[in-house]
Amino acid sequence: MSDLNEVGDRDGWRCWLCDTAVDPDASVNSDRGPSVDSYTVAKTKKNSTVVERLAHRQCNTMKGKIEPVVPWSPDIFVVDPSPIVASVERLKNKGGREIVARCPSMDDATEASEWLLDRLSRFAPDTRFATQITPGGGQYMLILTEG
């Protein structure tokens, strides 16, 4: 297991679940204090790959009770956004591409694309994602691909 400070520095002291700041000086026993969430992504008979992400203690505890939800930012303009967790799981399992949102302008689509890739770097650090923006029907489709 990595040092909490190493994980925090790598993740920019932001919770991978709620995407808000984590206070590095808060007590690890506090609900809003820092904790490390670990999960195994690849297992073989001889070794396994473990990914660690920074989370608030409360967020980390709650994900065991309810399915985690990664919300879209209220600061970006997207229409009919797909659930981020479900889209990521489908792409990791099946590959391909998925339309994750519609945007009214190219600027909105570009901003949404940058936000989504940044967010996914914390949510699924073990997977590389890319986006494409495709015009259609007077809107711009934001497409997420694994790659």
C-alpha atoms as a PDB file:
ATOM      1  CA  MET A   1       0.000   0.000   0.000  1.00  0.00           C
ATOM      2  CA  SER A   2       1.286   3.455  -0.909  1.00  0.00           C
ATOM      3  CA  ASP A   3       1.779   6.309   1.489  1.00  0.00           C
ATOM      4  CA  LEU A   4      -1.329   8.506   1.866  1.00  0.00           C
ATOM      5  CA  ASN A   5       0.686  11.606   0.927  1.00  0.00           C
ATOM      6  CA  GLU A   6       1.942   9.975  -2.278  1.00  0.00           C
ATOM      7  CA  VAL A   7      -1.594   9.073  -3.374  1.00  0.00           C
ATOM      8  CA  GLY A   8      -2.885  12.502  -2.332  1.00  0.00           C
ATOM      9  CA  ASP A   9      -0.164  14.356  -4.235  1.00  0.00           C
ATOM     10  CA  ARG A  10      -0.726  12.222  -7.343  1.00  0.00           C
ATOM     11  CA  ASP A  11      -4.501  12.789  -7.225  1.00  0.00           C
ATOM     12  CA  GLY A  12      -4.180  16.506  -6.490  1.00  0.00           C
ATOM     13  CA  TRP A  13      -5.897  16.045  -3.110  1.00  0.00           C
ATOM     14  CA  ARG A  14      -9.285  15.543  -4.788  1.00  0.00           C
ATOM     15  CA  CYS A  15     -11.711  12.742  -3.911  1.00  0.00           C
ATOM     16  CA  TRP A  16     -12.204  10.369  -6.839  1.00  0.00           C
ATOM     17  CA  LEU A  17     -15.867   9.890  -5.886  1.00  0.00           C
ATOM     18  CA  CYS A  18     -17.244  13.362  -5.151  1.00  0.00           C
ATOM     19  CA  ASP A  19     -14.491  15.322  -6.962  1.00  0.00           C
ATOM     20  CA  THR A  20     -14.103  17.846  -4.144  1.00  0.00           C
ATOM     21  CA  ALA A  21     -10.981  18.833  -2.264  1.00  0.00           C
ATOM     22  CA  VAL A  22      -9.590  16.583   0.461  1.00  0.00           C
ATOM     23  CA  ASP A  23      -7.790  18.386   3.284  1.00  0.00           C
ATOM     24  CA  PRO A  24      -4.379  16.727   3.692  1.00  0.00           C
ATOM     25  CA  ASP A  25      -4.194  18.008   7.263  1.00  0.00           C
ATOM     26  CA  ALA A  26      -7.581  16.616   8.347  1.00  0.00           C
ATOM     27  CA  SER A  27      -7.657  13.649  10.681  1.00  0.00           C
ATOM     28  CA  VAL A  28      -7.940  10.293   8.936  1.00  0.00           C
ATOM     29  CA  ASN A  29     -10.687   9.548  11.483  1.00  0.00           C
ATOM     30  CA  SER A  30     -12.798  12.512  10.323  1.00  0.00           C
ATOM     31  CA  ASP A  31     -15.596  11.846   7.802  1.00  0.00           C
ATOM     32  CA  ARG A  32     -14.048  14.416   5.438  1.00  0.00           C
ATOM     33  CA  GLY A  33     -10.505  13.261   6.191  1.00  0.00           C
ATOM     34  CA  PRO A  34      -8.294  11.522   3.627  1.00  0.00           C
ATOM     35  CA  SER A  35      -8.313   7.795   2.940  1.00  0.00           C
ATOM     36  CA  VAL A  36      -6.955   5.532   0.230  1.00  0.00           C
ATOM     37  CA  ASP A  37      -9.334   3.366  -1.778  1.00  0.00           C
ATOM     38  CA  SER A  38      -7.716   0.302  -3.342  1.00  0.00           C
ATOM     39  CA  TYR A  39      -8.994  -2.176  -5.892  1.00  0.00           C
ATOM     40  CA  THR A  40      -7.472  -4.973  -7.935  1.00  0.00           C
ATOM     41  CA  VAL A  41      -7.629  -4.640 -11.720  1.00  0.00           C
ATOM     42  CA  ALA A  42      -5.646  -7.667 -12.869  1.00  0.00           C
ATOM     43  CA  LYS A  43      -5.042 -10.930 -11.071  1.00  0.00           C
ATOM     44  CA  THR A  44      -2.820 -13.780 -12.093  1.00  0.00           C
ATOM     45  CA  LYS A  45      -1.601 -16.763 -10.122  1.00  0.00           C
ATOM     46  CA  LYS A  46       1.694 -15.045  -9.317  1.00  0.00           C
ATOM     47  CA  ASN A  47       0.769 -11.371  -8.928  1.00  0.00           C
ATOM     48  CA  SER A  48      -1.957  -8.767  -9.176  1.00  0.00           C
ATOM     49  CA  THR A  49      -2.208  -5.093 -10.042  1.00  0.00           C
ATOM     50  CA  VAL A  50      -3.689  -2.841  -7.379  1.00  0.00           C
ATOM     51  CA  VAL A  51      -4.891   0.684  -8.128  1.00  0.00           C
ATOM     52  CA  GLU A  52      -5.115   3.216  -5.314  1.00  0.00           C
ATOM     53  CA  ARG A  53      -7.179   6.402  -5.360  1.00  0.00           C
ATOM     54  CA  LEU A  54      -7.699   9.218  -2.859  1.00  0.00           C
ATOM     55  CA  ALA A  55     -11.130   9.565  -1.266  1.00  0.00           C
ATOM     56  CA  HIS A  56     -12.770  11.204   1.715  1.00  0.00           C
ATOM     57  CA  ARG A  57     -13.186   8.635   4.486  1.00  0.00           C
ATOM     58  CA  GLN A  58     -16.986   9.048   4.328  1.00  0.00           C
ATOM     59  CA  CYS A  59     -17.118   8.690   0.516  1.00  0.00           C
ATOM     60  CA  ASN A  60     -14.940   5.586   0.707  1.00  0.00           C
ATOM     61  CA  THR A  61     -17.166   4.063   3.399  1.00  0.00           C
ATOM     62  CA  MET A  62     -20.421   4.905   1.592  1.00  0.00           C
ATOM     63  CA  LYS A  63     -19.348   3.268  -1.675  1.00  0.00           C
ATOM     64  CA  GLY A  64     -19.590  -0.053   0.149  1.00  0.00           C
ATOM     65  CA  LYS A  65     -23.256   0.615   0.942  1.00  0.00           C
ATOM     66  CA  ILE A  66     -24.477   2.208  -2.274  1.00  0.00           C
ATOM     67  CA  GLU A  67     -23.336   2.122  -5.887  1.00  0.00           C
ATOM     68  CA  PRO A  68     -20.959   5.053  -6.479  1.00  0.00           C
ATOM     69  CA  VAL A  69     -22.240   7.896  -8.637  1.00  0.00           C
ATOM     70  CA  VAL A  70     -19.841  10.241 -10.385  1.00  0.00           C
ATOM     71  CA  PRO A  71     -21.829  13.396 -11.159  1.00  0.00           C
ATOM     72  CA  TRP A  72     -21.287  15.615 -14.184  1.00  0.00           C
ATOM     73  CA  SER A  73     -20.076  19.091 -13.291  1.00  0.00           C
ATOM     74  CA  PRO A  74     -22.833  21.698 -12.994  1.00  0.00           C
ATOM     75  CA  ASP A  75     -20.408  24.172 -14.583  1.00  0.00           C
ATOM     76  CA  ILE A  76     -20.488  22.552 -18.030  1.00  0.00           C
ATOM     77  CA  PHE A  77     -23.373  22.552 -20.500  1.00  0.00           C
ATOM     78  CA  VAL A  78     -24.313  18.997 -21.472  1.00  0.00           C
ATOM     79  CA  VAL A  79     -27.665  17.579 -22.524  1.00  0.00           C
ATOM     80  CA  ASP A  80     -28.750  14.005 -21.731  1.00  0.00           C
ATOM     81  CA  PRO A  81     -25.454  12.988 -20.107  1.00  0.00           C
ATOM     82  CA  SER A  82     -24.848   9.279 -19.683  1.00  0.00           C
ATOM     83  CA  PRO A  83     -24.064   7.913 -16.227  1.00  0.00           C
ATOM     84  CA  ILE A  84     -20.274   8.061 -16.014  1.00  0.00           C
ATOM     85  CA  VAL A  85     -19.802   4.900 -13.941  1.00  0.00           C
ATOM     86  CA  ALA A  86     -21.922   2.740 -16.272  1.00  0.00           C
ATOM     87  CA  SER A  87     -20.261   4.157 -19.410  1.00  0.00           C
ATOM     88  CA  VAL A  88     -16.776   3.474 -18.049  1.00  0.00           C
ATOM     89  CA  GLU A  89     -17.684  -0.079 -17.046  1.00  0.00           C
ATOM     90  CA  ARG A  90     -19.178  -0.834 -20.477  1.00  0.00           C
ATOM     91  CA  LEU A  91     -16.130   0.534 -22.294  1.00  0.00           C
ATOM     92  CA  LYS A  92     -13.706  -1.352 -20.053  1.00  0.00           C
ATOM     93  CA  ASN A  93     -15.611  -4.612 -20.593  1.00  0.00           C
ATOM     94  CA  LYS A  94     -16.510  -4.334 -24.276  1.00  0.00           C
ATOM     95  CA  GLY A  95     -14.369  -1.573 -25.765  1.00  0.00           C
ATOM     96  CA  GLY A  96     -15.718   0.440 -28.665  1.00  0.00           C
ATOM     97  CA  ARG A  97     -17.154   3.909 -28.253  1.00  0.00           C
ATOM     98  CA  GLU A  98     -20.116   5.479 -26.552  1.00  0.00           C
ATOM     99  CA  ILE A  99     -21.931   8.782 -26.914  1.00  0.00           C
ATOM    100  CA  VAL A 100     -21.917  10.203 -23.402  1.00  0.00           C
ATOM    101  CA  ALA A 101     -23.467  13.647 -23.920  1.00  0.00           C
ATOM    102  CA  ARG A 102     -24.824  16.177 -26.386  1.00  0.00           C
ATOM    103  CA  CYS A 103     -23.698  19.795 -26.321  1.00  0.00           C
ATOM    104  CA  PRO A 104     -25.232  22.860 -28.017  1.00  0.00           C
ATOM    105  CA  SER A 105     -21.923  24.308 -29.242  1.00  0.00           C
ATOM    106  CA  MET A 106     -18.413  23.192 -30.109  1.00  0.00           C
ATOM    107  CA  ASP A 107     -17.065  25.288 -27.220  1.00  0.00           C
ATOM    108  CA  ASP A 108     -19.395  23.491 -24.783  1.00  0.00           C
ATOM    109  CA  ALA A 109     -18.368  20.112 -26.210  1.00  0.00           C
ATOM    110  CA  THR A 110     -14.675  20.970 -25.929  1.00  0.00           C
ATOM    111  CA  GLU A 111     -15.097  22.121 -22.327  1.00  0.00           C
ATOM    112  CA  ALA A 112     -17.097  18.973 -21.481  1.00  0.00           C
ATOM    113  CA  SER A 113     -14.448  16.791 -23.144  1.00  0.00           C
ATOM    114  CA  GLU A 114     -11.614  18.369 -21.145  1.00  0.00           C
ATOM    115  CA  TRP A 115     -13.586  18.083 -17.904  1.00  0.00           C
ATOM    116  CA  LEU A 116     -14.523  14.449 -18.552  1.00  0.00           C
ATOM    117  CA  LEU A 117     -10.977  13.329 -19.368  1.00  0.00           C
ATOM    118  CA  ASP A 118      -9.661  15.090 -16.260  1.00  0.00           C
ATOM    119  CA  ARG A 119     -12.402  13.497 -14.131  1.00  0.00           C
ATOM    120  CA  LEU A 120     -11.764  10.027 -15.543  1.00  0.00           C
ATOM    121  CA  SER A 121      -8.043  10.334 -14.785  1.00  0.00           C
ATOM    122  CA  ARG A 122      -9.045  10.199 -11.102  1.00  0.00           C
ATOM    123  CA  PHE A 123     -12.036   7.881 -11.389  1.00  0.00           C
ATOM    124  CA  ALA A 124     -10.331   5.185 -13.499  1.00  0.00           C
ATOM    125  CA  PRO A 125      -6.582   5.885 -13.342  1.00  0.00           C
ATOM    126  CA  ASP A 126      -5.776   2.435 -14.695  1.00  0.00           C
ATOM    127  CA  THR A 127      -7.534   3.079 -18.026  1.00  0.00           C
ATOM    128  CA  ARG A 128      -6.775   5.558 -20.776  1.00  0.00           C
ATOM    129  CA  PHE A 129      -9.721   7.285 -22.392  1.00  0.00           C
ATOM    130  CA  ALA A 130     -10.081   9.573 -25.367  1.00  0.00           C
ATOM    131  CA  THR A 131     -12.943  11.703 -26.626  1.00  0.00           C
ATOM    132  CA  GLN A 132     -14.239  12.652 -30.033  1.00  0.00           C
ATOM    133  CA  ILE A 133     -16.613  15.479 -30.866  1.00  0.00           C
ATOM    134  CA  THR A 134     -18.935  14.900 -33.800  1.00  0.00           C
ATOM    135  CA  PRO A 135     -21.424  17.461 -35.150  1.00  0.00           C
ATOM    136  CA  GLY A 136     -24.915  16.207 -35.852  1.00  0.00           C
ATOM    137  CA  GLY A 137     -28.429  17.596 -35.899  1.00  0.00           C
ATOM    138  CA  GLY A 138     -27.379  21.086 -34.852  1.00  0.00           C
ATOM    139  CA  GLN A 139     -25.600  19.713 -31.789  1.00  0.00           C
ATOM    140  CA  TYR A 140     -22.244  18.223 -30.951  1.00  0.00           C
ATOM    141  CA  MET A 141     -21.993  14.640 -29.718  1.00  0.00           C
ATOM    142  CA  LEU A 142     -19.333  13.875 -27.122  1.00  0.00           C
ATOM    143  CA  ILE A 143     -18.054  10.351 -27.714  1.00  0.00           C
ATOM    144  CA  LEU A 144     -15.925   8.477 -25.195  1.00  0.00           C
ATOM    145  CA  THR A 145     -13.550   5.700 -26.264  1.00  0.00           C
ATOM    146  CA  GLU A 146     -11.079   3.556 -24.417  1.00  0.00           C
ATOM    147  CA  GLY A 147      -7.635   4.098 -25.790  1.00  0.00           C
END
